[in-house]
Amino acid sequence: MQRTRKSNGVLLAVLFHLVAGCTIFPEAPNQPSRSYLFTPDFSADKWPSCASPLGVLVVSLPQEQGGTNTSGIAYLLRPHEIRYYAYNQWAESPARLLMPLMVQAVEKTNCWGTVTHAAAAVRDDFRLDSEILQWQQEFFSNPSRVRLSFRAQLVESQKREVIAARRFEIIEEAPSGDAYGAVIAGNRAVNRLLGEIAEWIKTNAPRQSN
């Protein structure tokens, strides 16, 4: 009888551990695969503007670090251990989704006569290089948070001189502890990043010489 009680106790403990363990994973199995995009807000009154345009600016494809060189949506249940949602992903890698939006955001500033991406065959006067350092949903607090760490530098092409450089650190709370919560918070982070880049560009754009 005592052995039976011990066996039942062990079984209950194992079941409890399994049930509790299921609750820590932010994605349930056997759900259909979904892909997501960034949908920025390019409202006209939101963007800072320079007084006059200057030359051609080429926006480079952002370099990818910290596990961001994939279309997977990254999350961390504990520090240093990165995981990806199995049934949810970005439509492309974050860098490829972000580059055309950066072009649009910089165009809104009216600081350059032409703004284009690096694949275009044009002679550039200036270049905007950047790097995604981190882009992940972190379950270190409740609610979870999305962290977007991004570095950018504005370069004068002919002189190969860095005019300005900055690291952007953006954190947004996720409305839910799952992949879609990461998507919503990720879109908010992108909107904030584009606005901050536009303001930074306006502040550091070269001025027309008299």
N, C-alpha and C. Protein backbone atom coordinates (compact mmCIF):
# COMPACT_ATOMS: atom_id res chain seq x y z
N MET A 1 0.83 -1.21 0.00
CA MET A 1 0.00 0.00 0.00
C MET A 1 0.86 1.26 0.00
N GLN A 2 1.90 1.24 0.83
CA GLN A 2 2.79 2.39 0.91
C GLN A 2 3.50 2.62 -0.42
N ARG A 3 3.90 1.45 -1.07
CA ARG A 3 4.58 1.56 -2.36
C ARG A 3 3.63 2.15 -3.40
N THR A 4 2.35 1.76 -3.34
CA THR A 4 1.36 2.29 -4.28
C THR A 4 1.19 3.78 -4.12
N ARG A 5 1.11 4.23 -2.86
CA ARG A 5 0.97 5.65 -2.59
C ARG A 5 2.17 6.43 -3.12
N LYS A 6 3.40 5.87 -2.93
CA LYS A 6 4.59 6.52 -3.43
C LYS A 6 4.57 6.61 -4.95
N SER A 7 4.13 5.52 -5.60
CA SER A 7 4.06 5.52 -7.07
C SER A 7 3.08 6.55 -7.57
N ASN A 8 1.92 6.62 -6.88
CA ASN A 8 0.93 7.63 -7.27
C ASN A 8 1.47 9.04 -7.09
N GLY A 9 2.22 9.22 -6.00
CA GLY A 9 2.78 10.54 -5.75
C GLY A 9 3.79 10.95 -6.80
N VAL A 10 4.62 10.00 -7.21
CA VAL A 10 5.59 10.27 -8.27
C VAL A 10 4.90 10.59 -9.57
N LEU A 11 3.83 9.82 -9.89
CA LEU A 11 3.08 10.04 -11.13
C LEU A 11 2.44 11.42 -11.14
N LEU A 12 1.84 11.81 -10.01
CA LEU A 12 1.22 13.13 -9.92
C LEU A 12 2.27 14.24 -10.07
N ALA A 13 3.43 14.04 -9.47
CA ALA A 13 4.49 15.04 -9.57
C ALA A 13 4.95 15.20 -11.01
N VAL A 14 5.09 14.06 -11.72
CA VAL A 14 5.50 14.12 -13.12
C VAL A 14 4.46 14.83 -13.96
N LEU A 15 3.18 14.47 -13.75
CA LEU A 15 2.09 15.12 -14.50
C LEU A 15 2.05 16.61 -14.23
N PHE A 16 2.21 16.99 -12.96
CA PHE A 16 2.21 18.41 -12.61
C PHE A 16 3.34 19.14 -13.31
N HIS A 17 4.51 18.49 -13.35
CA HIS A 17 5.67 19.12 -14.00
C HIS A 17 5.42 19.31 -15.49
N LEU A 18 4.80 18.31 -16.12
CA LEU A 18 4.53 18.40 -17.55
C LEU A 18 3.51 19.48 -17.85
N VAL A 19 2.44 19.54 -17.04
CA VAL A 19 1.41 20.56 -17.25
C VAL A 19 1.98 21.95 -17.03
N ALA A 20 2.74 22.09 -15.95
CA ALA A 20 3.35 23.39 -15.65
C ALA A 20 4.34 23.78 -16.73
N GLY A 21 5.07 22.77 -17.23
CA GLY A 21 6.04 23.06 -18.27
C GLY A 21 5.39 23.56 -19.54
N CYS A 22 4.19 23.08 -19.86
CA CYS A 22 3.51 23.52 -21.07
C CYS A 22 3.18 25.01 -21.02
N THR A 23 2.99 25.54 -19.83
CA THR A 23 2.56 26.93 -19.71
C THR A 23 3.70 27.91 -19.95
N ILE A 24 4.96 27.43 -19.89
CA ILE A 24 6.05 28.37 -20.06
C ILE A 24 6.42 28.55 -21.53
N PHE A 25 5.92 27.70 -22.39
CA PHE A 25 6.24 27.84 -23.80
C PHE A 25 5.21 28.73 -24.47
N PRO A 26 5.65 29.80 -25.15
CA PRO A 26 4.73 30.80 -25.69
C PRO A 26 4.06 30.40 -26.98
N GLU A 27 4.18 29.14 -27.40
CA GLU A 27 3.55 28.71 -28.64
C GLU A 27 3.03 27.29 -28.48
N ALA A 28 1.76 27.09 -28.83
CA ALA A 28 1.17 25.76 -28.77
C ALA A 28 1.49 25.00 -30.05
N PRO A 29 1.63 23.66 -29.98
CA PRO A 29 1.94 22.89 -31.18
C PRO A 29 0.72 22.72 -32.10
N ASN A 30 1.01 22.25 -33.31
CA ASN A 30 -0.04 21.89 -34.27
C ASN A 30 -0.94 23.05 -34.67
N GLN A 31 -0.39 24.24 -34.78
CA GLN A 31 -1.16 25.35 -35.29
C GLN A 31 -0.64 25.72 -36.68
N PRO A 32 -1.47 26.33 -37.53
CA PRO A 32 -1.02 26.64 -38.90
C PRO A 32 0.10 27.66 -38.92
N SER A 33 0.97 27.57 -39.91
CA SER A 33 2.09 28.51 -40.05
C SER A 33 1.58 29.87 -40.52
N ARG A 34 2.14 30.94 -39.94
CA ARG A 34 1.73 32.31 -40.28
C ARG A 34 2.97 33.16 -40.54
N SER A 35 2.84 34.10 -41.48
CA SER A 35 3.91 35.04 -41.78
C SER A 35 3.42 36.46 -41.56
N TYR A 36 4.33 37.36 -41.13
CA TYR A 36 3.94 38.71 -40.75
C TYR A 36 4.83 39.76 -41.40
N LEU A 37 4.27 40.97 -41.54
CA LEU A 37 4.96 42.11 -42.14
C LEU A 37 5.05 43.25 -41.13
N PHE A 38 5.86 44.26 -41.45
CA PHE A 38 5.87 45.52 -40.72
C PHE A 38 4.92 46.48 -41.43
N THR A 39 4.09 47.18 -40.67
CA THR A 39 3.14 48.14 -41.25
C THR A 39 3.35 49.49 -40.57
N PRO A 40 4.28 50.29 -41.07
CA PRO A 40 4.59 51.57 -40.42
C PRO A 40 3.54 52.63 -40.69
N ASP A 41 3.54 53.64 -39.85
CA ASP A 41 2.65 54.79 -39.99
C ASP A 41 3.45 55.94 -40.55
N PHE A 42 3.22 56.27 -41.82
CA PHE A 42 3.94 57.37 -42.46
C PHE A 42 3.07 58.63 -42.55
N SER A 43 2.36 58.93 -41.49
CA SER A 43 1.54 60.14 -41.46
C SER A 43 2.40 61.37 -41.72
N ALA A 44 1.89 62.27 -42.55
CA ALA A 44 2.67 63.42 -43.02
C ALA A 44 3.13 64.32 -41.88
N ASP A 45 2.31 64.50 -40.86
CA ASP A 45 2.64 65.43 -39.79
C ASP A 45 3.61 64.85 -38.76
N LYS A 46 4.00 63.62 -38.97
CA LYS A 46 4.83 62.92 -37.99
C LYS A 46 6.32 63.11 -38.23
N TRP A 47 6.71 63.46 -39.45
CA TRP A 47 8.10 63.39 -39.83
C TRP A 47 8.78 64.76 -39.85
N PRO A 48 9.97 64.87 -39.25
CA PRO A 48 10.72 66.13 -39.31
C PRO A 48 11.23 66.35 -40.73
N SER A 49 11.42 67.61 -41.11
CA SER A 49 11.82 67.91 -42.48
C SER A 49 12.96 68.92 -42.51
N CYS A 50 13.93 68.69 -43.42
CA CYS A 50 15.03 69.64 -43.62
C CYS A 50 14.56 70.79 -44.49
N ALA A 51 15.32 71.88 -44.47
CA ALA A 51 14.94 73.05 -45.25
C ALA A 51 15.14 72.84 -46.74
N SER A 52 16.21 72.11 -47.12
CA SER A 52 16.49 71.90 -48.54
C SER A 52 17.21 70.58 -48.74
N PRO A 53 16.93 69.89 -49.86
CA PRO A 53 17.56 68.60 -50.12
C PRO A 53 19.00 68.76 -50.58
N LEU A 54 19.81 67.69 -50.36
CA LEU A 54 21.22 67.74 -50.72
C LEU A 54 21.67 66.37 -51.23
N GLY A 55 21.98 66.27 -52.54
CA GLY A 55 22.63 65.08 -53.09
C GLY A 55 21.81 63.81 -53.05
N VAL A 56 22.54 62.69 -53.15
CA VAL A 56 21.95 61.35 -53.24
C VAL A 56 22.38 60.54 -52.01
N LEU A 57 21.41 59.96 -51.32
CA LEU A 57 21.68 59.10 -50.17
C LEU A 57 21.28 57.67 -50.51
N VAL A 58 22.19 56.73 -50.29
CA VAL A 58 21.91 55.31 -50.49
C VAL A 58 21.78 54.64 -49.12
N VAL A 59 20.68 53.93 -48.94
CA VAL A 59 20.43 53.20 -47.70
C VAL A 59 20.89 51.75 -47.90
N SER A 60 21.88 51.34 -47.16
CA SER A 60 22.40 49.97 -47.27
C SER A 60 21.47 48.98 -46.57
N LEU A 61 21.54 47.74 -47.01
CA LEU A 61 20.82 46.68 -46.31
C LEU A 61 21.44 46.50 -44.93
N PRO A 62 20.64 46.59 -43.86
CA PRO A 62 21.22 46.45 -42.51
C PRO A 62 21.93 45.10 -42.34
N GLN A 63 23.08 45.15 -41.69
CA GLN A 63 23.76 43.92 -41.30
C GLN A 63 22.97 43.28 -40.15
N GLU A 64 23.13 41.97 -40.00
CA GLU A 64 22.31 41.24 -39.00
C GLU A 64 23.21 40.51 -38.02
N GLN A 65 22.98 40.78 -36.74
CA GLN A 65 23.73 40.14 -35.66
C GLN A 65 22.73 39.54 -34.66
N GLY A 66 23.26 38.85 -33.69
CA GLY A 66 22.44 38.39 -32.58
C GLY A 66 21.29 37.48 -32.96
N GLY A 67 21.48 36.63 -33.97
CA GLY A 67 20.43 35.70 -34.35
C GLY A 67 19.31 36.31 -35.16
N THR A 68 19.54 37.50 -35.76
CA THR A 68 18.48 38.17 -36.53
C THR A 68 18.58 37.87 -38.03
N ASN A 69 19.57 37.07 -38.46
CA ASN A 69 19.72 36.78 -39.88
C ASN A 69 18.84 35.61 -40.31
N THR A 70 17.58 35.69 -39.96
CA THR A 70 16.60 34.66 -40.27
C THR A 70 15.22 35.29 -40.24
N SER A 71 14.26 34.63 -40.88
CA SER A 71 12.89 35.12 -40.82
C SER A 71 12.18 34.68 -39.55
N GLY A 72 12.85 33.88 -38.73
CA GLY A 72 12.25 33.42 -37.49
C GLY A 72 12.02 34.55 -36.50
N ILE A 73 10.94 34.45 -35.72
CA ILE A 73 10.64 35.41 -34.65
C ILE A 73 11.30 34.89 -33.38
N ALA A 74 12.29 35.62 -32.89
CA ALA A 74 13.11 35.14 -31.79
C ALA A 74 12.48 35.47 -30.43
N TYR A 75 12.67 34.56 -29.47
CA TYR A 75 12.25 34.84 -28.09
C TYR A 75 13.23 34.18 -27.14
N LEU A 76 13.29 34.75 -25.93
CA LEU A 76 14.16 34.23 -24.87
C LEU A 76 13.34 33.97 -23.62
N LEU A 77 13.41 32.73 -23.12
CA LEU A 77 12.80 32.42 -21.83
C LEU A 77 13.76 32.67 -20.68
N ARG A 78 15.05 32.65 -21.00
CA ARG A 78 16.10 32.97 -20.03
C ARG A 78 17.26 33.61 -20.78
N PRO A 79 18.10 34.38 -20.08
CA PRO A 79 19.19 35.08 -20.77
C PRO A 79 20.11 34.13 -21.53
N HIS A 80 20.58 34.60 -22.68
CA HIS A 80 21.61 33.96 -23.50
C HIS A 80 21.09 32.78 -24.35
N GLU A 81 19.87 32.34 -24.13
CA GLU A 81 19.35 31.17 -24.88
C GLU A 81 18.23 31.62 -25.82
N ILE A 82 18.54 31.69 -27.11
CA ILE A 82 17.58 32.19 -28.09
C ILE A 82 16.81 31.03 -28.72
N ARG A 83 15.51 31.24 -28.88
CA ARG A 83 14.63 30.26 -29.53
C ARG A 83 13.82 30.99 -30.58
N TYR A 84 13.17 30.20 -31.44
CA TYR A 84 12.34 30.77 -32.50
C TYR A 84 10.99 30.07 -32.52
N TYR A 85 9.94 30.85 -32.76
CA TYR A 85 8.61 30.26 -32.89
C TYR A 85 8.59 29.30 -34.07
N ALA A 86 7.97 28.15 -33.88
CA ALA A 86 7.96 27.12 -34.92
C ALA A 86 6.92 27.37 -36.00
N TYR A 87 5.81 28.02 -35.66
CA TYR A 87 4.69 28.15 -36.59
C TYR A 87 4.42 29.60 -36.99
N ASN A 88 5.27 30.51 -36.56
CA ASN A 88 5.11 31.93 -36.87
C ASN A 88 6.45 32.51 -37.27
N GLN A 89 6.45 33.37 -38.29
CA GLN A 89 7.70 33.95 -38.78
C GLN A 89 7.43 35.27 -39.49
N TRP A 90 8.49 36.05 -39.68
CA TRP A 90 8.41 37.23 -40.52
C TRP A 90 8.36 36.79 -41.98
N ALA A 91 7.77 37.61 -42.84
CA ALA A 91 7.67 37.27 -44.26
C ALA A 91 9.05 37.18 -44.91
N GLU A 92 10.00 37.98 -44.42
CA GLU A 92 11.41 37.91 -44.82
C GLU A 92 12.25 38.18 -43.58
N SER A 93 13.56 38.19 -43.74
CA SER A 93 14.40 38.55 -42.60
C SER A 93 14.10 39.99 -42.21
N PRO A 94 14.24 40.35 -40.93
CA PRO A 94 13.95 41.72 -40.49
C PRO A 94 14.72 42.78 -41.29
N ALA A 95 15.96 42.49 -41.69
CA ALA A 95 16.74 43.47 -42.44
C ALA A 95 16.08 43.78 -43.79
N ARG A 96 15.62 42.76 -44.48
CA ARG A 96 14.99 42.97 -45.80
C ARG A 96 13.63 43.64 -45.67
N LEU A 97 12.93 43.40 -44.59
CA LEU A 97 11.67 44.10 -44.35
C LEU A 97 11.91 45.56 -43.99
N LEU A 98 12.98 45.80 -43.26
CA LEU A 98 13.23 47.14 -42.71
C LEU A 98 13.82 48.10 -43.74
N MET A 99 14.67 47.62 -44.65
CA MET A 99 15.38 48.53 -45.55
C MET A 99 14.45 49.42 -46.37
N PRO A 100 13.42 48.91 -47.08
CA PRO A 100 12.56 49.82 -47.85
C PRO A 100 11.80 50.81 -46.97
N LEU A 101 11.52 50.44 -45.73
CA LEU A 101 10.84 51.36 -44.81
C LEU A 101 11.79 52.48 -44.38
N MET A 102 13.06 52.15 -44.23
CA MET A 102 14.05 53.18 -43.92
C MET A 102 14.18 54.17 -45.07
N VAL A 103 14.14 53.66 -46.31
CA VAL A 103 14.19 54.54 -47.48
C VAL A 103 13.01 55.51 -47.44
N GLN A 104 11.81 55.00 -47.16
CA GLN A 104 10.63 55.87 -47.11
C GLN A 104 10.72 56.89 -45.98
N ALA A 105 11.22 56.44 -44.83
CA ALA A 105 11.32 57.35 -43.68
C ALA A 105 12.30 58.48 -43.97
N VAL A 106 13.45 58.16 -44.57
CA VAL A 106 14.45 59.18 -44.87
C VAL A 106 13.95 60.11 -45.97
N GLU A 107 13.21 59.58 -46.94
CA GLU A 107 12.61 60.42 -47.97
C GLU A 107 11.71 61.49 -47.36
N LYS A 108 11.00 61.11 -46.30
CA LYS A 108 10.07 62.04 -45.66
C LYS A 108 10.77 63.25 -45.06
N THR A 109 12.07 63.11 -44.76
CA THR A 109 12.78 64.22 -44.13
C THR A 109 13.14 65.33 -45.13
N ASN A 110 13.11 65.02 -46.43
CA ASN A 110 13.47 66.00 -47.47
C ASN A 110 14.89 66.52 -47.30
N CYS A 111 15.78 65.69 -46.72
CA CYS A 111 17.16 66.11 -46.53
C CYS A 111 18.03 65.79 -47.74
N TRP A 112 17.58 64.90 -48.63
CA TRP A 112 18.33 64.55 -49.83
C TRP A 112 17.42 64.61 -51.05
N GLY A 113 18.03 64.96 -52.19
CA GLY A 113 17.26 65.03 -53.42
C GLY A 113 16.78 63.67 -53.86
N THR A 114 17.62 62.65 -53.63
CA THR A 114 17.28 61.27 -53.99
C THR A 114 17.66 60.36 -52.84
N VAL A 115 16.76 59.46 -52.49
CA VAL A 115 17.04 58.43 -51.49
C VAL A 115 16.70 57.09 -52.13
N THR A 116 17.63 56.17 -52.10
CA THR A 116 17.39 54.87 -52.72
C THR A 116 18.12 53.79 -51.93
N HIS A 117 17.92 52.53 -52.32
CA HIS A 117 18.56 51.42 -51.62
C HIS A 117 19.86 51.03 -52.33
N ALA A 118 20.66 50.22 -51.67
CA ALA A 118 22.00 49.92 -52.16
C ALA A 118 22.02 49.14 -53.46
N ALA A 119 20.94 48.44 -53.78
CA ALA A 119 20.91 47.65 -55.00
C ALA A 119 20.76 48.51 -56.25
N ALA A 120 20.34 49.75 -56.09
CA ALA A 120 20.17 50.65 -57.23
C ALA A 120 21.53 51.09 -57.76
N ALA A 121 21.65 51.13 -59.09
CA ALA A 121 22.93 51.50 -59.73
C ALA A 121 23.03 53.01 -59.86
N VAL A 122 23.32 53.68 -58.75
CA VAL A 122 23.46 55.14 -58.76
C VAL A 122 24.74 55.52 -58.03
N ARG A 123 25.24 56.70 -58.37
CA ARG A 123 26.42 57.23 -57.68
C ARG A 123 25.94 57.98 -56.44
N ASP A 124 26.37 57.53 -55.28
CA ASP A 124 25.87 58.12 -54.03
C ASP A 124 26.82 59.19 -53.52
N ASP A 125 26.23 60.21 -52.92
CA ASP A 125 27.00 61.24 -52.22
C ASP A 125 27.15 60.89 -50.75
N PHE A 126 26.11 60.24 -50.21
CA PHE A 126 26.10 59.84 -48.81
C PHE A 126 25.54 58.43 -48.71
N ARG A 127 25.84 57.77 -47.60
CA ARG A 127 25.38 56.40 -47.40
C ARG A 127 24.93 56.23 -45.95
N LEU A 128 23.82 55.53 -45.78
CA LEU A 128 23.33 55.21 -44.44
C LEU A 128 23.55 53.72 -44.21
N ASP A 129 24.56 53.40 -43.41
CA ASP A 129 24.86 52.01 -43.05
C ASP A 129 24.25 51.71 -41.69
N SER A 130 23.86 50.46 -41.48
CA SER A 130 23.22 50.12 -40.21
C SER A 130 23.40 48.65 -39.89
N GLU A 131 23.03 48.31 -38.66
CA GLU A 131 23.22 46.95 -38.16
C GLU A 131 22.14 46.65 -37.12
N ILE A 132 21.46 45.52 -37.29
CA ILE A 132 20.51 45.05 -36.28
C ILE A 132 21.30 44.23 -35.26
N LEU A 133 21.36 44.71 -34.03
CA LEU A 133 22.14 44.05 -32.99
C LEU A 133 21.31 43.01 -32.25
N GLN A 134 20.08 43.36 -31.92
CA GLN A 134 19.16 42.44 -31.24
C GLN A 134 17.73 42.73 -31.70
N TRP A 135 16.96 41.66 -31.83
CA TRP A 135 15.53 41.82 -32.12
C TRP A 135 14.86 40.57 -31.56
N GLN A 136 14.27 40.70 -30.38
CA GLN A 136 13.80 39.51 -29.69
C GLN A 136 12.71 39.85 -28.67
N GLN A 137 11.89 38.86 -28.42
CA GLN A 137 10.88 38.95 -27.36
C GLN A 137 11.46 38.32 -26.10
N GLU A 138 11.44 39.06 -25.00
CA GLU A 138 12.07 38.59 -23.76
C GLU A 138 11.01 38.31 -22.71
N PHE A 139 11.03 37.07 -22.18
CA PHE A 139 10.08 36.66 -21.14
C PHE A 139 10.74 36.74 -19.77
N PHE A 140 11.42 37.84 -19.51
CA PHE A 140 12.07 38.04 -18.23
C PHE A 140 11.18 38.80 -17.26
N SER A 141 10.04 39.28 -17.74
CA SER A 141 9.10 40.03 -16.92
C SER A 141 7.70 39.76 -17.43
N ASN A 142 6.72 40.21 -16.72
CA ASN A 142 5.32 40.05 -17.12
C ASN A 142 4.66 41.43 -17.17
N PRO A 143 4.25 41.91 -18.37
CA PRO A 143 4.24 41.20 -19.65
C PRO A 143 5.64 41.09 -20.27
N SER A 144 5.73 40.23 -21.27
CA SER A 144 6.99 40.11 -22.00
C SER A 144 7.26 41.40 -22.78
N ARG A 145 8.51 41.58 -23.20
CA ARG A 145 8.90 42.80 -23.91
C ARG A 145 9.70 42.46 -25.16
N VAL A 146 9.54 43.27 -26.17
CA VAL A 146 10.34 43.13 -27.38
C VAL A 146 11.46 44.17 -27.33
N ARG A 147 12.68 43.71 -27.56
CA ARG A 147 13.86 44.57 -27.57
C ARG A 147 14.40 44.68 -28.99
N LEU A 148 14.57 45.91 -29.46
CA LEU A 148 15.17 46.18 -30.75
C LEU A 148 16.38 47.07 -30.54
N SER A 149 17.58 46.51 -30.75
CA SER A 149 18.83 47.26 -30.65
C SER A 149 19.37 47.45 -32.07
N PHE A 150 19.68 48.69 -32.41
CA PHE A 150 19.99 49.03 -33.79
C PHE A 150 21.09 50.09 -33.80
N ARG A 151 22.06 49.92 -34.70
CA ARG A 151 23.14 50.88 -34.82
C ARG A 151 23.17 51.44 -36.25
N ALA A 152 23.38 52.74 -36.38
CA ALA A 152 23.41 53.38 -37.70
C ALA A 152 24.55 54.38 -37.78
N GLN A 153 25.07 54.56 -38.98
CA GLN A 153 26.06 55.61 -39.21
C GLN A 153 25.83 56.24 -40.58
N LEU A 154 25.99 57.55 -40.61
CA LEU A 154 25.83 58.34 -41.82
C LEU A 154 27.23 58.65 -42.35
N VAL A 155 27.46 58.27 -43.62
CA VAL A 155 28.80 58.35 -44.20
C VAL A 155 28.78 59.26 -45.41
N GLU A 156 29.79 60.15 -45.51
CA GLU A 156 30.01 60.91 -46.74
C GLU A 156 30.88 60.05 -47.66
N SER A 157 30.33 59.66 -48.79
CA SER A 157 30.94 58.61 -49.61
C SER A 157 32.29 58.99 -50.18
N GLN A 158 32.42 60.18 -50.75
CA GLN A 158 33.66 60.57 -51.41
C GLN A 158 34.82 60.66 -50.43
N LYS A 159 34.57 61.22 -49.28
CA LYS A 159 35.63 61.36 -48.26
C LYS A 159 35.76 60.10 -47.40
N ARG A 160 34.77 59.18 -47.51
CA ARG A 160 34.72 58.00 -46.66
C ARG A 160 34.79 58.39 -45.19
N GLU A 161 34.05 59.40 -44.88
CA GLU A 161 34.06 59.98 -43.53
C GLU A 161 32.71 59.76 -42.85
N VAL A 162 32.76 59.27 -41.63
CA VAL A 162 31.54 59.08 -40.85
C VAL A 162 31.11 60.43 -40.27
N ILE A 163 29.94 60.89 -40.70
CA ILE A 163 29.42 62.17 -40.24
C ILE A 163 28.80 62.05 -38.86
N ALA A 164 28.06 60.96 -38.66
CA ALA A 164 27.37 60.75 -37.38
C ALA A 164 27.12 59.26 -37.19
N ALA A 165 27.07 58.85 -35.94
CA ALA A 165 26.78 57.45 -35.61
C ALA A 165 25.96 57.42 -34.33
N ARG A 166 25.07 56.44 -34.26
CA ARG A 166 24.22 56.35 -33.07
C ARG A 166 23.72 54.92 -32.89
N ARG A 167 23.55 54.53 -31.63
CA ARG A 167 22.90 53.27 -31.29
C ARG A 167 21.49 53.58 -30.78
N PHE A 168 20.50 52.89 -31.32
CA PHE A 168 19.11 53.04 -30.92
C PHE A 168 18.71 51.82 -30.09
N GLU A 169 18.10 52.06 -28.95
CA GLU A 169 17.66 50.98 -28.07
C GLU A 169 16.17 51.19 -27.79
N ILE A 170 15.33 50.29 -28.30
CA ILE A 170 13.88 50.45 -28.19
C ILE A 170 13.30 49.21 -27.53
N ILE A 171 12.45 49.42 -26.52
CA ILE A 171 11.78 48.33 -25.82
C ILE A 171 10.29 48.61 -25.82
N GLU A 172 9.51 47.60 -26.22
CA GLU A 172 8.06 47.71 -26.25
C GLU A 172 7.44 46.51 -25.54
N GLU A 173 6.45 46.78 -24.68
CA GLU A 173 5.74 45.69 -24.03
C GLU A 173 4.85 44.96 -25.03
N ALA A 174 4.84 43.63 -24.95
CA ALA A 174 4.00 42.82 -25.82
C ALA A 174 2.60 42.71 -25.21
N PRO A 175 1.54 42.87 -26.01
CA PRO A 175 0.19 42.78 -25.46
C PRO A 175 -0.22 41.36 -25.08
N SER A 176 0.51 40.36 -25.55
CA SER A 176 0.23 38.97 -25.20
C SER A 176 1.53 38.18 -25.25
N GLY A 177 1.59 37.10 -24.51
CA GLY A 177 2.81 36.32 -24.41
C GLY A 177 2.91 35.25 -25.47
N ASP A 178 2.76 35.64 -26.73
CA ASP A 178 2.83 34.69 -27.83
C ASP A 178 3.45 35.38 -29.04
N ALA A 179 3.47 34.67 -30.18
CA ALA A 179 4.11 35.22 -31.38
C ALA A 179 3.41 36.48 -31.86
N TYR A 180 2.08 36.50 -31.81
CA TYR A 180 1.37 37.68 -32.30
C TYR A 180 1.64 38.89 -31.40
N GLY A 181 1.79 38.64 -30.11
CA GLY A 181 2.19 39.72 -29.22
C GLY A 181 3.54 40.28 -29.60
N ALA A 182 4.48 39.39 -30.01
CA ALA A 182 5.79 39.84 -30.49
C ALA A 182 5.67 40.65 -31.77
N VAL A 183 4.74 40.26 -32.64
CA VAL A 183 4.53 40.98 -33.91
C VAL A 183 3.99 42.38 -33.64
N ILE A 184 3.00 42.50 -32.77
CA ILE A 184 2.43 43.81 -32.45
C ILE A 184 3.48 44.72 -31.83
N ALA A 185 4.20 44.20 -30.83
CA ALA A 185 5.24 45.00 -30.19
C ALA A 185 6.37 45.30 -31.16
N GLY A 186 6.69 44.35 -32.04
CA GLY A 186 7.73 44.58 -33.04
C GLY A 186 7.37 45.70 -34.00
N ASN A 187 6.10 45.76 -34.41
CA ASN A 187 5.66 46.84 -35.28
C ASN A 187 5.72 48.19 -34.58
N ARG A 188 5.37 48.22 -33.31
CA ARG A 188 5.50 49.47 -32.55
C ARG A 188 6.96 49.90 -32.46
N ALA A 189 7.83 48.93 -32.23
CA ALA A 189 9.26 49.24 -32.15
C ALA A 189 9.78 49.78 -33.48
N VAL A 190 9.32 49.20 -34.58
CA VAL A 190 9.75 49.67 -35.91
C VAL A 190 9.31 51.11 -36.13
N ASN A 191 8.06 51.42 -35.79
CA ASN A 191 7.57 52.79 -35.95
C ASN A 191 8.39 53.77 -35.13
N ARG A 192 8.72 53.41 -33.90
CA ARG A 192 9.55 54.29 -33.08
C ARG A 192 10.94 54.44 -33.68
N LEU A 193 11.51 53.33 -34.15
CA LEU A 193 12.85 53.38 -34.73
C LEU A 193 12.88 54.28 -35.96
N LEU A 194 11.92 54.14 -36.86
CA LEU A 194 11.90 54.96 -38.07
C LEU A 194 11.78 56.45 -37.73
N GLY A 195 10.95 56.77 -36.75
CA GLY A 195 10.81 58.16 -36.33
C GLY A 195 12.09 58.70 -35.73
N GLU A 196 12.77 57.90 -34.92
CA GLU A 196 14.02 58.34 -34.31
C GLU A 196 15.13 58.48 -35.35
N ILE A 197 15.16 57.58 -36.33
CA ILE A 197 16.14 57.70 -37.41
C ILE A 197 15.90 58.98 -38.20
N ALA A 198 14.64 59.27 -38.50
CA ALA A 198 14.31 60.50 -39.25
C ALA A 198 14.76 61.74 -38.50
N GLU A 199 14.52 61.78 -37.21
CA GLU A 199 14.94 62.93 -36.39
C GLU A 199 16.47 63.03 -36.35
N TRP A 200 17.12 61.91 -36.21
CA TRP A 200 18.58 61.87 -36.18
C TRP A 200 19.16 62.32 -37.52
N ILE A 201 18.55 61.86 -38.61
CA ILE A 201 19.00 62.27 -39.95
C ILE A 201 18.87 63.78 -40.12
N LYS A 202 17.74 64.32 -39.71
CA LYS A 202 17.53 65.77 -39.84
C LYS A 202 18.58 66.54 -39.06
N THR A 203 18.90 66.09 -37.87
CA THR A 203 19.86 66.78 -37.02
C THR A 203 21.27 66.75 -37.60
N ASN A 204 21.61 65.63 -38.27
CA ASN A 204 22.99 65.44 -38.70
C ASN A 204 23.22 65.58 -40.20
N ALA A 205 22.16 65.88 -40.97
CA ALA A 205 22.32 66.04 -42.41
C ALA A 205 23.22 67.24 -42.70
N PRO A 206 24.16 67.11 -43.65
CA PRO A 206 25.01 68.26 -44.02
C PRO A 206 24.16 69.39 -44.57
N ARG A 207 24.59 70.61 -44.33
CA ARG A 207 23.87 71.78 -44.82
C ARG A 207 24.45 72.25 -46.14
N GLN A 208 23.60 72.81 -46.98
CA GLN A 208 24.06 73.37 -48.23
C GLN A 208 25.03 74.51 -47.94
N SER A 209 26.16 74.53 -48.65
CA SER A 209 27.11 75.63 -48.47
C SER A 209 26.67 76.83 -49.27
N ASN A 210 26.97 78.02 -48.79
CA ASN A 210 26.56 79.24 -49.47
C ASN A 210 27.50 79.54 -50.66
